[in-house]
N, C-alpha and C. Protein backbone atom coordinates (compact mmCIF):
# COMPACT_ATOMS: atom_id res chain seq x y z
N MET A 1 -1.17 -10.14 -7.67
CA MET A 1 -0.58 -8.97 -7.03
C MET A 1 -1.71 -7.97 -6.77
N GLY A 2 -1.73 -7.40 -5.55
CA GLY A 2 -2.75 -6.42 -5.19
C GLY A 2 -2.58 -5.12 -5.95
N GLN A 3 -3.69 -4.40 -6.09
CA GLN A 3 -3.65 -3.13 -6.83
C GLN A 3 -2.76 -2.10 -6.14
N ASP A 4 -2.79 -2.06 -4.80
CA ASP A 4 -1.95 -1.09 -4.09
C ASP A 4 -0.47 -1.37 -4.33
N LEU A 5 -0.08 -2.63 -4.28
CA LEU A 5 1.31 -2.99 -4.52
C LEU A 5 1.71 -2.70 -5.96
N ALA A 6 0.83 -2.97 -6.90
CA ALA A 6 1.11 -2.70 -8.31
C ALA A 6 1.31 -1.20 -8.54
N ARG A 7 0.48 -0.37 -7.91
CA ARG A 7 0.62 1.09 -8.04
C ARG A 7 1.93 1.57 -7.42
N ALA A 8 2.29 1.01 -6.27
CA ALA A 8 3.53 1.41 -5.60
C ALA A 8 4.75 1.04 -6.45
N ILE A 9 4.73 -0.14 -7.04
CA ILE A 9 5.84 -0.56 -7.90
C ILE A 9 5.92 0.32 -9.14
N GLU A 10 4.79 0.65 -9.72
CA GLU A 10 4.76 1.51 -10.90
C GLU A 10 5.28 2.91 -10.57
N ALA A 11 4.97 3.40 -9.38
CA ALA A 11 5.38 4.75 -8.99
C ALA A 11 6.89 4.87 -8.83
N VAL A 12 7.55 3.81 -8.40
CA VAL A 12 9.00 3.86 -8.19
C VAL A 12 9.75 3.07 -9.25
N GLU A 13 9.17 2.94 -10.41
CA GLU A 13 9.75 2.14 -11.47
C GLU A 13 11.09 2.69 -11.97
N ASN A 14 11.24 3.99 -12.03
CA ASN A 14 12.45 4.57 -12.60
C ASN A 14 13.59 4.73 -11.60
N SER A 15 13.28 5.18 -10.40
CA SER A 15 14.31 5.33 -9.38
C SER A 15 13.65 5.16 -8.02
N ILE A 16 14.45 4.79 -7.05
CA ILE A 16 13.93 4.58 -5.70
C ILE A 16 14.70 5.50 -4.76
N TRP A 17 13.98 6.39 -4.13
CA TRP A 17 14.58 7.26 -3.13
C TRP A 17 14.19 6.70 -1.77
N VAL A 18 15.20 6.44 -0.95
CA VAL A 18 15.01 5.73 0.31
C VAL A 18 15.34 6.63 1.49
N PHE A 19 14.48 6.60 2.49
CA PHE A 19 14.76 7.25 3.78
C PHE A 19 14.99 6.15 4.80
N HIS A 20 16.14 6.18 5.45
CA HIS A 20 16.47 5.17 6.46
C HIS A 20 15.97 5.64 7.82
N CYS A 21 15.16 4.83 8.47
CA CYS A 21 14.58 5.16 9.77
C CYS A 21 15.03 4.12 10.80
N PRO A 22 16.11 4.40 11.55
CA PRO A 22 16.53 3.46 12.60
C PRO A 22 15.58 3.55 13.78
N THR A 23 15.08 2.43 14.26
CA THR A 23 14.03 2.46 15.28
C THR A 23 14.42 1.78 16.59
N GLY A 24 15.68 1.64 16.86
CA GLY A 24 16.09 1.03 18.11
C GLY A 24 16.78 -0.30 17.89
N SER A 25 17.67 -0.34 16.94
CA SER A 25 18.31 -1.60 16.58
C SER A 25 19.68 -1.72 17.25
N CYS A 26 20.31 -2.87 17.02
CA CYS A 26 21.66 -3.11 17.53
C CYS A 26 22.72 -2.55 16.58
N ASN A 27 22.29 -1.94 15.51
CA ASN A 27 23.13 -1.33 14.47
C ASN A 27 23.75 -2.34 13.50
N GLY A 28 23.44 -3.61 13.63
CA GLY A 28 23.95 -4.60 12.68
C GLY A 28 23.42 -4.34 11.28
N CYS A 29 22.12 -4.11 11.16
CA CYS A 29 21.51 -3.83 9.85
C CYS A 29 21.94 -2.46 9.33
N ASP A 30 22.08 -1.51 10.24
CA ASP A 30 22.50 -0.16 9.83
C ASP A 30 23.86 -0.20 9.16
N ILE A 31 24.76 -1.00 9.69
CA ILE A 31 26.10 -1.13 9.12
C ILE A 31 26.02 -1.71 7.71
N GLU A 32 25.15 -2.69 7.51
CA GLU A 32 24.99 -3.30 6.19
C GLU A 32 24.42 -2.30 5.19
N ILE A 33 23.49 -1.47 5.62
CA ILE A 33 22.89 -0.46 4.73
C ILE A 33 23.95 0.56 4.33
N VAL A 34 24.72 1.03 5.29
CA VAL A 34 25.77 2.00 4.99
C VAL A 34 26.81 1.39 4.06
N ALA A 35 27.11 0.11 4.25
CA ALA A 35 28.08 -0.57 3.37
C ALA A 35 27.59 -0.59 1.93
N ALA A 36 26.29 -0.72 1.73
CA ALA A 36 25.75 -0.75 0.37
C ALA A 36 25.89 0.60 -0.33
N LEU A 37 26.07 1.66 0.44
CA LEU A 37 26.20 3.00 -0.13
C LEU A 37 27.63 3.35 -0.50
N THR A 38 28.57 2.50 -0.15
CA THR A 38 29.98 2.78 -0.44
C THR A 38 30.28 2.55 -1.92
N PRO A 39 31.39 3.08 -2.41
CA PRO A 39 31.73 2.90 -3.83
C PRO A 39 31.89 1.44 -4.26
N ARG A 40 32.17 0.55 -3.33
CA ARG A 40 32.34 -0.87 -3.70
C ARG A 40 31.05 -1.44 -4.30
N TYR A 41 29.90 -1.10 -3.71
CA TYR A 41 28.62 -1.61 -4.19
C TYR A 41 27.85 -0.58 -5.01
N ASP A 42 27.94 0.69 -4.65
CA ASP A 42 27.40 1.81 -5.43
C ASP A 42 25.96 1.57 -5.90
N VAL A 43 25.02 1.56 -4.95
CA VAL A 43 23.62 1.31 -5.30
C VAL A 43 23.01 2.45 -6.12
N GLU A 44 23.65 3.61 -6.13
CA GLU A 44 23.12 4.72 -6.93
C GLU A 44 23.15 4.42 -8.42
N ARG A 45 24.01 3.53 -8.86
CA ARG A 45 24.03 3.17 -10.28
C ARG A 45 22.76 2.45 -10.69
N PHE A 46 22.03 1.91 -9.71
CA PHE A 46 20.74 1.26 -9.98
C PHE A 46 19.57 2.21 -9.76
N GLY A 47 19.85 3.47 -9.46
CA GLY A 47 18.79 4.46 -9.25
C GLY A 47 18.30 4.52 -7.82
N ILE A 48 19.02 3.90 -6.89
CA ILE A 48 18.63 3.92 -5.48
C ILE A 48 19.43 5.02 -4.79
N LYS A 49 18.72 5.95 -4.18
CA LYS A 49 19.38 7.08 -3.55
C LYS A 49 18.86 7.25 -2.13
N LEU A 50 19.76 7.45 -1.19
CA LEU A 50 19.39 7.70 0.20
C LEU A 50 19.10 9.19 0.34
N VAL A 51 17.92 9.53 0.87
CA VAL A 51 17.54 10.93 1.05
C VAL A 51 17.46 11.26 2.53
N GLY A 52 17.55 12.53 2.85
CA GLY A 52 17.59 12.97 4.23
C GLY A 52 16.25 13.29 4.85
N SER A 53 15.19 13.19 4.09
CA SER A 53 13.86 13.52 4.60
C SER A 53 12.83 12.52 4.08
N PRO A 54 11.89 12.10 4.93
CA PRO A 54 10.84 11.20 4.44
C PRO A 54 9.93 11.87 3.41
N ARG A 55 9.93 13.19 3.37
CA ARG A 55 9.09 13.91 2.40
C ARG A 55 9.56 13.72 0.96
N HIS A 56 10.80 13.29 0.79
CA HIS A 56 11.34 13.06 -0.54
C HIS A 56 11.42 11.58 -0.90
N ALA A 57 11.00 10.71 0.01
CA ALA A 57 11.23 9.27 -0.15
C ALA A 57 10.06 8.55 -0.80
N ASP A 58 10.42 7.54 -1.60
CA ASP A 58 9.44 6.59 -2.13
C ASP A 58 9.34 5.39 -1.20
N VAL A 59 10.45 5.09 -0.52
CA VAL A 59 10.55 3.92 0.34
C VAL A 59 11.08 4.34 1.71
N ILE A 60 10.44 3.84 2.76
CA ILE A 60 10.94 4.04 4.12
C ILE A 60 11.57 2.72 4.55
N LEU A 61 12.84 2.77 4.91
CA LEU A 61 13.60 1.59 5.28
C LEU A 61 13.74 1.57 6.80
N PHE A 62 13.02 0.67 7.47
CA PHE A 62 13.03 0.58 8.92
C PHE A 62 14.01 -0.50 9.36
N THR A 63 14.86 -0.17 10.35
CA THR A 63 15.77 -1.16 10.91
C THR A 63 15.55 -1.23 12.41
N GLY A 64 15.49 -2.43 12.93
CA GLY A 64 15.34 -2.63 14.36
C GLY A 64 13.89 -2.75 14.79
N ALA A 65 13.72 -3.26 16.00
CA ALA A 65 12.38 -3.36 16.58
C ALA A 65 11.94 -1.97 17.02
N VAL A 66 10.68 -1.67 16.86
CA VAL A 66 10.17 -0.35 17.24
C VAL A 66 10.00 -0.33 18.76
N THR A 67 10.74 0.55 19.41
CA THR A 67 10.62 0.70 20.86
C THR A 67 9.48 1.66 21.19
N ARG A 68 9.06 1.68 22.45
CA ARG A 68 7.97 2.59 22.85
C ARG A 68 8.33 4.04 22.56
N LYS A 69 9.56 4.40 22.82
CA LYS A 69 9.97 5.79 22.62
C LYS A 69 10.03 6.16 21.14
N MET A 70 10.22 5.19 20.28
CA MET A 70 10.33 5.47 18.84
C MET A 70 8.99 5.35 18.11
N LYS A 71 7.95 4.88 18.78
CA LYS A 71 6.66 4.63 18.13
C LYS A 71 6.11 5.89 17.46
N ASP A 72 6.12 7.02 18.17
CA ASP A 72 5.59 8.26 17.59
C ASP A 72 6.45 8.76 16.44
N PHE A 73 7.77 8.61 16.58
CA PHE A 73 8.68 9.01 15.50
C PHE A 73 8.41 8.20 14.23
N VAL A 74 8.21 6.90 14.39
CA VAL A 74 7.92 6.04 13.24
C VAL A 74 6.61 6.46 12.59
N ARG A 75 5.59 6.72 13.39
CA ARG A 75 4.29 7.13 12.85
C ARG A 75 4.41 8.45 12.09
N ARG A 76 5.12 9.44 12.67
CA ARG A 76 5.30 10.74 11.99
C ARG A 76 6.09 10.58 10.70
N THR A 77 7.12 9.75 10.75
CA THR A 77 7.93 9.51 9.54
C THR A 77 7.07 8.93 8.44
N TRP A 78 6.25 7.95 8.76
CA TRP A 78 5.39 7.30 7.77
C TRP A 78 4.38 8.30 7.21
N GLU A 79 3.80 9.13 8.06
CA GLU A 79 2.80 10.10 7.60
C GLU A 79 3.41 11.19 6.72
N GLN A 80 4.69 11.51 6.93
CA GLN A 80 5.33 12.56 6.14
C GLN A 80 5.68 12.11 4.73
N ALA A 81 5.83 10.83 4.52
CA ALA A 81 6.20 10.33 3.19
C ALA A 81 5.02 10.47 2.24
N PRO A 82 5.27 10.92 1.00
CA PRO A 82 4.18 11.08 0.04
C PRO A 82 3.65 9.74 -0.46
N ASP A 83 2.40 9.72 -0.83
CA ASP A 83 1.79 8.51 -1.42
C ASP A 83 2.11 8.44 -2.89
N PRO A 84 2.26 7.28 -3.48
CA PRO A 84 2.33 5.96 -2.86
C PRO A 84 3.70 5.75 -2.21
N LYS A 85 3.70 5.03 -1.12
CA LYS A 85 4.94 4.77 -0.39
C LYS A 85 5.03 3.30 -0.04
N VAL A 86 6.25 2.86 0.21
CA VAL A 86 6.52 1.46 0.51
C VAL A 86 7.36 1.41 1.78
N ALA A 87 7.05 0.47 2.66
CA ALA A 87 7.85 0.24 3.86
C ALA A 87 8.64 -1.05 3.67
N ILE A 88 9.92 -1.00 4.00
CA ILE A 88 10.75 -2.20 3.99
C ILE A 88 11.34 -2.35 5.39
N ILE A 89 11.10 -3.51 5.98
CA ILE A 89 11.63 -3.81 7.30
C ILE A 89 12.88 -4.66 7.10
N VAL A 90 14.00 -4.20 7.65
CA VAL A 90 15.28 -4.88 7.45
C VAL A 90 15.67 -5.61 8.73
N GLY A 91 16.05 -6.85 8.60
CA GLY A 91 16.60 -7.60 9.71
C GLY A 91 15.60 -8.36 10.54
N HIS A 92 16.14 -9.19 11.39
CA HIS A 92 15.35 -10.07 12.25
C HIS A 92 14.63 -9.27 13.34
N CYS A 93 15.28 -8.28 13.93
CA CYS A 93 14.68 -7.51 15.02
C CYS A 93 13.40 -6.82 14.58
N GLY A 94 13.43 -6.18 13.44
CA GLY A 94 12.27 -5.43 12.96
C GLY A 94 11.14 -6.31 12.49
N SER A 95 11.46 -7.48 11.96
CA SER A 95 10.40 -8.33 11.42
C SER A 95 9.76 -9.23 12.48
N THR A 96 10.43 -9.43 13.62
CA THR A 96 9.86 -10.30 14.64
C THR A 96 9.62 -9.60 15.97
N GLY A 97 10.16 -8.40 16.14
CA GLY A 97 9.94 -7.66 17.38
C GLY A 97 10.99 -7.95 18.36
């Protein structure tokens, strides 16, 4: 395991605050993320909390392929998140373009 990844995991060991960044998706993944926040699954019991600003996030959750119009938004979002930070790409669109 790389040192950067080990530091990132250690930094979010107790709780994970997530900022969801939709980047031009079909909303299929967005629906699944919202479903995980409902009382049926209640991810907050595991210490995972959705936050409204990337400045408070440990993890940036990207959904969808990054479109040209969203490129600058994605870059600004990533730069606003404090270090150490982790990016998670959700779904087929975001991971393959």
